[in-house]
N, C-alpha and C. Protein backbone atom coordinates (compact mmCIF):
# COMPACT_ATOMS: atom_id res chain seq x y z
N MET A 1 79.44 -127.81 -225.79
CA MET A 1 79.48 -126.36 -225.28
C MET A 1 78.79 -125.77 -225.95
N GLY A 2 77.99 -124.45 -225.93
CA GLY A 2 76.98 -123.89 -225.80
C GLY A 2 78.03 -122.70 -226.68
N PHE A 3 77.07 -121.90 -226.93
CA PHE A 3 77.30 -120.49 -227.84
C PHE A 3 78.29 -119.68 -226.97
N LEU A 4 77.54 -119.56 -225.68
CA LEU A 4 78.32 -118.59 -224.83
C LEU A 4 79.33 -119.10 -224.36
N ASP A 5 79.82 -120.44 -224.11
CA ASP A 5 80.68 -121.22 -223.83
C ASP A 5 81.74 -121.39 -224.48
N ARG A 6 81.63 -120.87 -226.12
CA ARG A 6 83.08 -120.96 -226.72
C ARG A 6 83.22 -119.62 -227.13
N ILE A 7 82.72 -118.36 -226.60
CA ILE A 7 82.95 -117.34 -226.81
C ILE A 7 83.72 -116.59 -225.66
N LEU A 8 83.18 -117.48 -224.57
CA LEU A 8 84.28 -117.49 -223.39
C LEU A 8 85.85 -117.82 -223.60
N SER A 9 85.41 -119.50 -224.33
CA SER A 9 86.96 -120.04 -224.13
C SER A 9 87.33 -118.98 -225.07
N ALA A 10 87.13 -118.56 -226.41
CA ALA A 10 88.24 -117.95 -227.38
C ALA A 10 88.75 -116.79 -226.53
N GLN A 11 87.85 -115.74 -225.69
CA GLN A 11 87.64 -114.77 -225.42
C GLN A 11 89.35 -115.26 -223.95
N GLN A 12 89.03 -116.45 -223.24
CA GLN A 12 89.94 -116.49 -222.02
C GLN A 12 91.10 -116.88 -223.00
N ALA A 13 91.36 -117.84 -224.07
CA ALA A 13 92.70 -118.16 -224.56
C ALA A 13 93.18 -117.19 -225.41
N GLU A 14 92.51 -116.01 -225.44
CA GLU A 14 92.88 -115.02 -226.27
C GLU A 14 93.72 -113.97 -224.93
N VAL A 15 93.00 -113.76 -224.26
CA VAL A 15 93.33 -112.84 -223.13
C VAL A 15 94.65 -113.71 -222.19
N PHE A 16 94.29 -114.80 -221.30
CA PHE A 16 95.29 -115.24 -220.76
C PHE A 16 96.31 -116.24 -221.34
N GLY A 17 96.12 -116.87 -222.77
CA GLY A 17 97.34 -117.40 -223.56
C GLY A 17 96.51 -119.04 -222.97
N ASP A 18 97.20 -119.71 -222.57
CA ASP A 18 97.47 -121.34 -222.71
C ASP A 18 96.22 -121.49 -221.06
N TRP A 19 95.16 -120.85 -221.00
CA TRP A 19 94.60 -121.24 -219.32
C TRP A 19 93.01 -122.11 -219.99
N ARG A 20 92.32 -122.82 -218.96
CA ARG A 20 91.62 -123.92 -219.24
C ARG A 20 90.46 -123.39 -218.71
N VAL A 21 89.52 -123.72 -219.47
CA VAL A 21 88.46 -123.97 -218.32
C VAL A 21 87.78 -125.48 -217.64
N LEU A 22 87.50 -124.77 -216.28
CA LEU A 22 87.42 -125.95 -215.61
C LEU A 22 85.70 -126.15 -215.51
N ASN A 23 85.51 -127.55 -216.32
CA ASN A 23 84.01 -127.56 -216.74
C ASN A 23 83.39 -128.99 -216.23
N ASP A 24 84.21 -129.51 -215.54
CA ASP A 24 83.72 -131.21 -215.72
C ASP A 24 84.90 -131.55 -214.20
N LEU A 25 83.63 -132.55 -213.38
CA LEU A 25 83.90 -132.23 -211.69
C LEU A 25 85.67 -133.56 -212.09
N SER A 26 85.38 -133.82 -213.10
CA SER A 26 86.46 -135.38 -213.45
C SER A 26 87.61 -134.60 -213.40
N GLN A 27 87.93 -133.13 -213.69
CA GLN A 27 88.87 -132.72 -214.24
C GLN A 27 90.20 -132.63 -212.99
N LEU A 28 89.50 -132.20 -212.00
CA LEU A 28 89.87 -132.05 -209.96
C LEU A 28 91.38 -132.79 -210.29
N ASP A 29 91.12 -133.99 -209.56
CA ASP A 29 91.64 -135.32 -209.99
C ASP A 29 92.76 -135.30 -211.00
N GLN A 30 93.35 -135.10 -212.10
CA GLN A 30 94.34 -134.39 -213.04
C GLN A 30 94.96 -133.13 -212.51
N ILE A 31 93.79 -132.31 -211.89
CA ILE A 31 94.48 -130.65 -211.77
C ILE A 31 95.51 -131.02 -210.09
N VAL A 32 95.08 -131.93 -209.64
CA VAL A 32 95.58 -131.96 -208.49
C VAL A 32 97.15 -132.69 -208.89
N LYS A 33 96.44 -134.04 -209.65
CA LYS A 33 98.34 -134.48 -210.08
C LYS A 33 99.01 -133.41 -211.08
N ASP A 34 98.74 -132.48 -211.63
CA ASP A 34 99.85 -131.73 -212.37
C ASP A 34 100.16 -130.85 -211.45
N SER A 35 99.50 -130.35 -210.31
CA SER A 35 100.36 -129.87 -209.38
C SER A 35 101.32 -130.08 -208.82
N HIS A 36 101.78 -131.24 -208.37
CA HIS A 36 103.21 -131.67 -208.11
C HIS A 36 103.98 -131.37 -209.36
N ASP A 37 103.60 -130.85 -210.62
CA ASP A 37 104.91 -130.54 -211.48
C ASP A 37 105.20 -128.61 -212.02
N LYS A 38 103.82 -128.43 -211.82
CA LYS A 38 103.79 -126.98 -211.41
C LYS A 38 103.03 -126.20 -210.94
N PRO A 39 102.86 -124.86 -210.16
CA PRO A 39 101.44 -124.29 -209.68
C PRO A 39 100.75 -124.35 -210.28
N VAL A 40 99.53 -124.34 -209.77
CA VAL A 40 98.00 -124.98 -210.68
C VAL A 40 96.87 -123.40 -209.75
N VAL A 41 96.40 -122.59 -210.92
CA VAL A 41 95.73 -121.48 -210.14
C VAL A 41 94.85 -121.63 -210.21
N LEU A 42 93.71 -121.59 -209.51
CA LEU A 42 92.13 -121.85 -209.95
C LEU A 42 91.50 -120.23 -209.83
N PHE A 43 90.70 -119.73 -211.01
CA PHE A 43 89.79 -118.49 -210.90
C PHE A 43 88.26 -118.93 -211.29
N LYS A 44 88.06 -118.49 -209.39
CA LYS A 44 86.26 -118.87 -209.57
C LYS A 44 85.83 -117.59 -209.92
N HIS A 45 85.32 -117.93 -210.78
CA HIS A 45 84.42 -116.66 -211.58
C HIS A 45 82.92 -116.71 -211.38
N SER A 46 82.33 -115.51 -210.72
CA SER A 46 80.67 -115.15 -210.69
C SER A 46 80.38 -114.78 -212.29
N ILE A 47 79.98 -114.86 -213.18
CA ILE A 47 79.44 -113.94 -214.49
C ILE A 47 78.27 -113.34 -214.42
N ARG A 48 77.98 -113.05 -212.75
CA ARG A 48 76.48 -112.29 -213.03
C ARG A 48 76.88 -110.75 -211.40
N CYS A 49 78.57 -110.92 -211.39
CA CYS A 49 78.84 -110.46 -210.52
C CYS A 49 79.69 -109.10 -211.00
N GLY A 50 79.55 -108.10 -210.43
CA GLY A 50 80.12 -106.70 -211.30
C GLY A 50 81.43 -106.53 -210.42
N THR A 51 81.69 -107.28 -209.13
CA THR A 51 82.96 -106.97 -208.50
C THR A 51 83.77 -108.61 -209.22
N SER A 52 82.81 -109.60 -209.35
CA SER A 52 84.00 -110.40 -209.96
C SER A 52 84.26 -110.07 -211.41
N SER A 53 83.48 -109.42 -212.15
CA SER A 53 83.88 -109.16 -213.77
C SER A 53 84.95 -107.85 -213.35
N MET A 54 84.99 -107.42 -212.33
CA MET A 54 85.69 -105.87 -212.56
C MET A 54 87.41 -106.93 -212.52
N ILE A 55 87.30 -108.10 -210.39
CA ILE A 55 88.32 -108.53 -210.86
C ILE A 55 89.11 -109.19 -211.96
N LYS A 56 87.91 -110.35 -212.61
CA LYS A 56 88.98 -110.30 -213.78
C LYS A 56 89.38 -109.04 -214.94
N HIS A 57 88.96 -108.56 -215.26
CA HIS A 57 89.20 -107.64 -216.24
C HIS A 57 90.86 -107.34 -215.61
N GLN A 58 90.94 -106.96 -214.07
CA GLN A 58 92.64 -106.16 -213.53
C GLN A 58 92.98 -107.70 -213.50
N LEU A 59 92.42 -108.76 -213.91
CA LEU A 59 93.55 -110.08 -213.59
C LEU A 59 94.36 -109.74 -215.35
N GLU A 60 93.00 -109.69 -216.48
CA GLU A 60 92.87 -109.92 -217.99
C GLU A 60 94.50 -109.38 -218.09
N SER A 61 94.41 -107.35 -217.39
CA SER A 61 94.82 -106.54 -218.17
C SER A 61 96.42 -106.57 -217.34
N GLY A 62 96.66 -107.15 -216.47
CA GLY A 62 97.86 -107.35 -215.92
C GLY A 62 98.51 -108.62 -215.80
N TRP A 63 97.86 -109.56 -216.71
CA TRP A 63 98.48 -111.29 -216.62
C TRP A 63 99.51 -111.05 -217.65
N ASP A 64 100.83 -111.97 -216.76
CA ASP A 64 101.92 -112.15 -217.80
C ASP A 64 102.81 -113.05 -217.22
N PHE A 65 102.26 -113.66 -217.04
CA PHE A 65 102.06 -115.50 -216.77
C PHE A 65 102.25 -116.80 -218.28
N SER A 66 103.40 -117.39 -218.20
CA SER A 66 102.97 -118.49 -219.38
C SER A 66 102.51 -119.27 -218.81
N ALA A 67 102.56 -120.36 -220.04
CA ALA A 67 102.02 -121.62 -219.77
C ALA A 67 103.28 -122.65 -219.01
N ASP A 68 104.36 -122.29 -219.33
CA ASP A 68 105.57 -122.46 -218.44
C ASP A 68 105.66 -122.34 -217.43
N ASP A 69 105.24 -121.32 -216.51
CA ASP A 69 104.94 -120.96 -214.84
C ASP A 69 103.84 -121.58 -214.48
N LEU A 70 102.90 -121.83 -214.98
CA LEU A 70 101.96 -122.56 -214.05
C LEU A 70 100.58 -122.66 -215.09
N ASP A 71 100.22 -123.63 -214.48
CA ASP A 71 98.53 -123.62 -215.15
C ASP A 71 97.27 -123.20 -214.34
N PHE A 72 96.87 -122.22 -215.66
CA PHE A 72 95.34 -121.71 -215.38
C PHE A 72 94.24 -122.34 -215.48
N TYR A 73 92.75 -122.18 -214.41
CA TYR A 73 92.22 -122.71 -214.68
C TYR A 73 90.96 -121.69 -214.45
N TYR A 74 89.81 -121.38 -215.30
CA TYR A 74 88.67 -120.90 -215.11
C TYR A 74 87.99 -121.26 -214.82
N LEU A 75 86.96 -121.08 -213.58
CA LEU A 75 85.69 -121.60 -213.30
C LEU A 75 84.41 -120.79 -213.44
N ASP A 76 83.77 -121.03 -214.28
CA ASP A 76 82.07 -120.17 -214.53
C ASP A 76 81.62 -120.99 -213.14
N LEU A 77 81.52 -120.17 -211.97
CA LEU A 77 80.74 -121.08 -210.70
C LEU A 77 79.29 -121.15 -210.78
N ILE A 78 78.69 -120.09 -211.62
CA ILE A 78 77.23 -119.84 -211.61
C ILE A 78 77.04 -121.79 -212.47
N ASN A 79 77.23 -121.89 -213.63
CA ASN A 79 76.73 -122.95 -214.08
C ASN A 79 78.01 -124.03 -213.72
N TYR A 80 78.93 -124.30 -213.15
CA TYR A 80 79.18 -125.19 -212.46
C TYR A 80 79.32 -125.16 -210.67
N ARG A 81 78.55 -124.94 -209.91
CA ARG A 81 78.37 -124.73 -208.86
C ARG A 81 79.07 -125.99 -207.97
N ALA A 82 78.64 -127.48 -208.52
CA ALA A 82 79.28 -128.13 -208.17
C ALA A 82 80.38 -128.50 -207.89
N ILE A 83 81.12 -128.03 -209.12
CA ILE A 83 82.44 -128.09 -209.26
C ILE A 83 83.22 -126.99 -207.92
N SER A 84 82.57 -125.90 -207.93
CA SER A 84 82.89 -124.93 -206.69
C SER A 84 82.87 -125.61 -205.41
N ASN A 85 81.72 -126.31 -205.04
CA ASN A 85 81.64 -126.83 -204.11
C ASN A 85 82.54 -128.31 -203.79
N GLU A 86 82.79 -128.81 -204.91
CA GLU A 86 83.85 -129.45 -204.36
C GLU A 86 85.33 -129.37 -204.41
N ILE A 87 85.77 -127.80 -204.88
CA ILE A 87 87.14 -127.21 -204.31
C ILE A 87 87.23 -127.19 -202.98
N ALA A 88 85.85 -126.33 -202.70
CA ALA A 88 85.85 -125.97 -201.21
C ALA A 88 85.85 -127.27 -200.43
N ASP A 89 85.28 -128.21 -200.35
CA ASP A 89 85.11 -129.10 -199.72
C ASP A 89 86.55 -130.54 -199.42
N ARG A 90 87.12 -130.35 -200.88
CA ARG A 90 88.52 -131.07 -201.25
C ARG A 90 89.30 -130.56 -200.61
N PHE A 91 89.60 -128.89 -200.56
CA PHE A 91 90.66 -128.11 -200.01
C PHE A 91 90.58 -127.59 -199.01
N GLY A 92 89.17 -127.80 -198.44
CA GLY A 92 88.83 -126.98 -197.25
C GLY A 92 89.51 -125.70 -196.83
N ILE A 93 88.58 -124.96 -198.50
CA ILE A 93 88.50 -123.56 -198.04
C ILE A 93 86.68 -123.26 -198.27
N VAL A 94 86.87 -122.26 -197.61
CA VAL A 94 85.63 -121.57 -197.74
C VAL A 94 85.70 -120.99 -199.11
N HIS A 95 84.01 -121.44 -199.77
CA HIS A 95 83.58 -120.74 -201.32
C HIS A 95 83.41 -119.17 -200.80
N GLN A 96 84.17 -118.51 -201.88
CA GLN A 96 84.00 -117.24 -202.33
C GLN A 96 84.26 -116.72 -203.75
N SER A 97 83.69 -115.37 -204.06
CA SER A 97 83.35 -115.22 -205.11
C SER A 97 83.79 -113.69 -205.36
N PRO A 98 84.47 -113.27 -206.13
CA PRO A 98 85.22 -114.27 -207.02
C PRO A 98 86.42 -114.80 -206.18
N GLN A 99 87.13 -115.47 -206.78
CA GLN A 99 88.12 -116.23 -205.55
C GLN A 99 89.30 -116.93 -206.28
N ILE A 100 90.88 -116.61 -206.16
CA ILE A 100 91.78 -116.99 -206.78
C ILE A 100 92.22 -118.24 -205.60
N ILE A 101 92.42 -119.55 -205.60
CA ILE A 101 93.27 -121.27 -205.32
C ILE A 101 94.93 -121.46 -205.92
N VAL A 102 95.46 -121.19 -205.05
CA VAL A 102 96.94 -121.75 -205.70
C VAL A 102 97.31 -123.02 -205.11
N LEU A 103 97.17 -124.39 -206.35
CA LEU A 103 97.57 -125.24 -205.80
C LEU A 103 98.85 -125.95 -205.77
N LYS A 104 99.60 -126.49 -205.44
CA LYS A 104 100.86 -126.67 -205.13
C LYS A 104 100.87 -128.77 -204.40
N ASN A 105 102.13 -129.21 -205.19
CA ASN A 105 101.81 -130.61 -205.02
C ASN A 105 100.78 -130.92 -203.82
N GLY A 106 99.55 -130.65 -204.73
CA GLY A 106 98.40 -131.34 -204.22
C GLY A 106 97.56 -130.96 -203.03
N LYS A 107 98.38 -129.89 -202.70
CA LYS A 107 97.71 -128.72 -201.53
C LYS A 107 97.47 -127.27 -202.01
N ALA A 108 96.19 -126.52 -201.20
CA ALA A 108 95.90 -125.21 -201.64
C ALA A 108 97.08 -124.98 -200.56
N THR A 109 97.69 -123.83 -201.33
CA THR A 109 99.02 -123.51 -200.63
C THR A 109 98.19 -122.08 -200.57
N TYR A 110 97.00 -121.40 -201.11
CA TYR A 110 97.03 -120.06 -201.36
C TYR A 110 95.64 -119.66 -201.66
N ASP A 111 94.90 -119.34 -201.40
CA ASP A 111 93.43 -118.31 -201.45
C ASP A 111 93.08 -117.36 -201.10
N THR A 112 92.38 -116.28 -202.10
CA THR A 112 92.20 -114.80 -201.69
C THR A 112 91.05 -114.93 -202.27
N SER A 113 90.20 -113.60 -202.28
CA SER A 113 89.04 -113.73 -202.93
C SER A 113 88.78 -112.38 -202.30
N HIS A 114 87.80 -111.72 -203.88
CA HIS A 114 87.26 -110.02 -203.93
C HIS A 114 88.71 -109.32 -204.07
N HIS A 115 88.85 -108.20 -203.65
CA HIS A 115 89.10 -107.17 -204.02
C HIS A 115 91.18 -107.44 -203.75
N MET A 116 91.57 -108.47 -202.89
CA MET A 116 92.44 -108.76 -202.53
C MET A 116 93.62 -109.73 -203.91
N ILE A 117 92.45 -110.12 -204.96
CA ILE A 117 92.80 -110.62 -206.09
C ILE A 117 94.01 -109.81 -206.67
N SER A 118 94.98 -110.16 -207.09
CA SER A 118 95.68 -109.49 -207.79
C SER A 118 96.97 -110.42 -208.61
N VAL A 119 97.81 -109.79 -209.77
CA VAL A 119 98.95 -110.68 -210.49
C VAL A 119 99.75 -110.34 -209.43
N GLU A 120 100.22 -109.50 -208.63
CA GLU A 120 101.47 -109.35 -207.57
C GLU A 120 101.27 -110.51 -206.84
N GLY A 121 100.02 -110.46 -206.10
CA GLY A 121 99.31 -112.10 -204.98
C GLY A 121 99.49 -113.01 -205.62
N ILE A 122 99.94 -113.58 -206.87
CA ILE A 122 100.03 -115.10 -207.60
C ILE A 122 101.25 -115.01 -207.72
N HIS A 123 101.66 -114.21 -207.80
CA HIS A 123 103.08 -114.04 -208.05
C HIS A 123 103.68 -114.60 -206.82
N SER A 124 103.82 -114.10 -205.82
CA SER A 124 104.03 -114.16 -204.24
C SER A 124 103.65 -115.51 -203.92
N ALA A 125 102.76 -115.98 -204.14
CA ALA A 125 102.17 -117.32 -204.55
C ALA A 125 102.63 -118.67 -205.21
N VAL A 126 103.22 -118.41 -205.75
CA VAL A 126 103.62 -119.24 -206.95
C VAL A 126 104.77 -119.07 -206.78
N ASP A 127 106.16 -117.98 -206.64
CA ASP A 127 107.59 -117.89 -207.21
C ASP A 127 107.75 -118.84 -205.70
């Protein structure tokens, strides 16, 4: 893990509580399994995109979920594009950035992107 990854991980943990960094393709199988116990939210973020940064900030500002509600994964899709591509292929979802994908019972049950991303939308998708 590089210096910037450690900073991002610390910031994410501080802001979202128990969110996890998705940075290894092998994590996807466990994420799918976990989605049978509680919803899993994947946030695909482009670290080079102003819109993506704005949406990330909006999520951080309004985040009111706990680790008991759902599992939340952050994907830096610039550095881990292969994982983003696998998510698109595996769940039949067109790649977007930024993008939120909700998994329940092993299936993508909700996805949205850009300015449609909101904490309220995630609540609707996981409740």
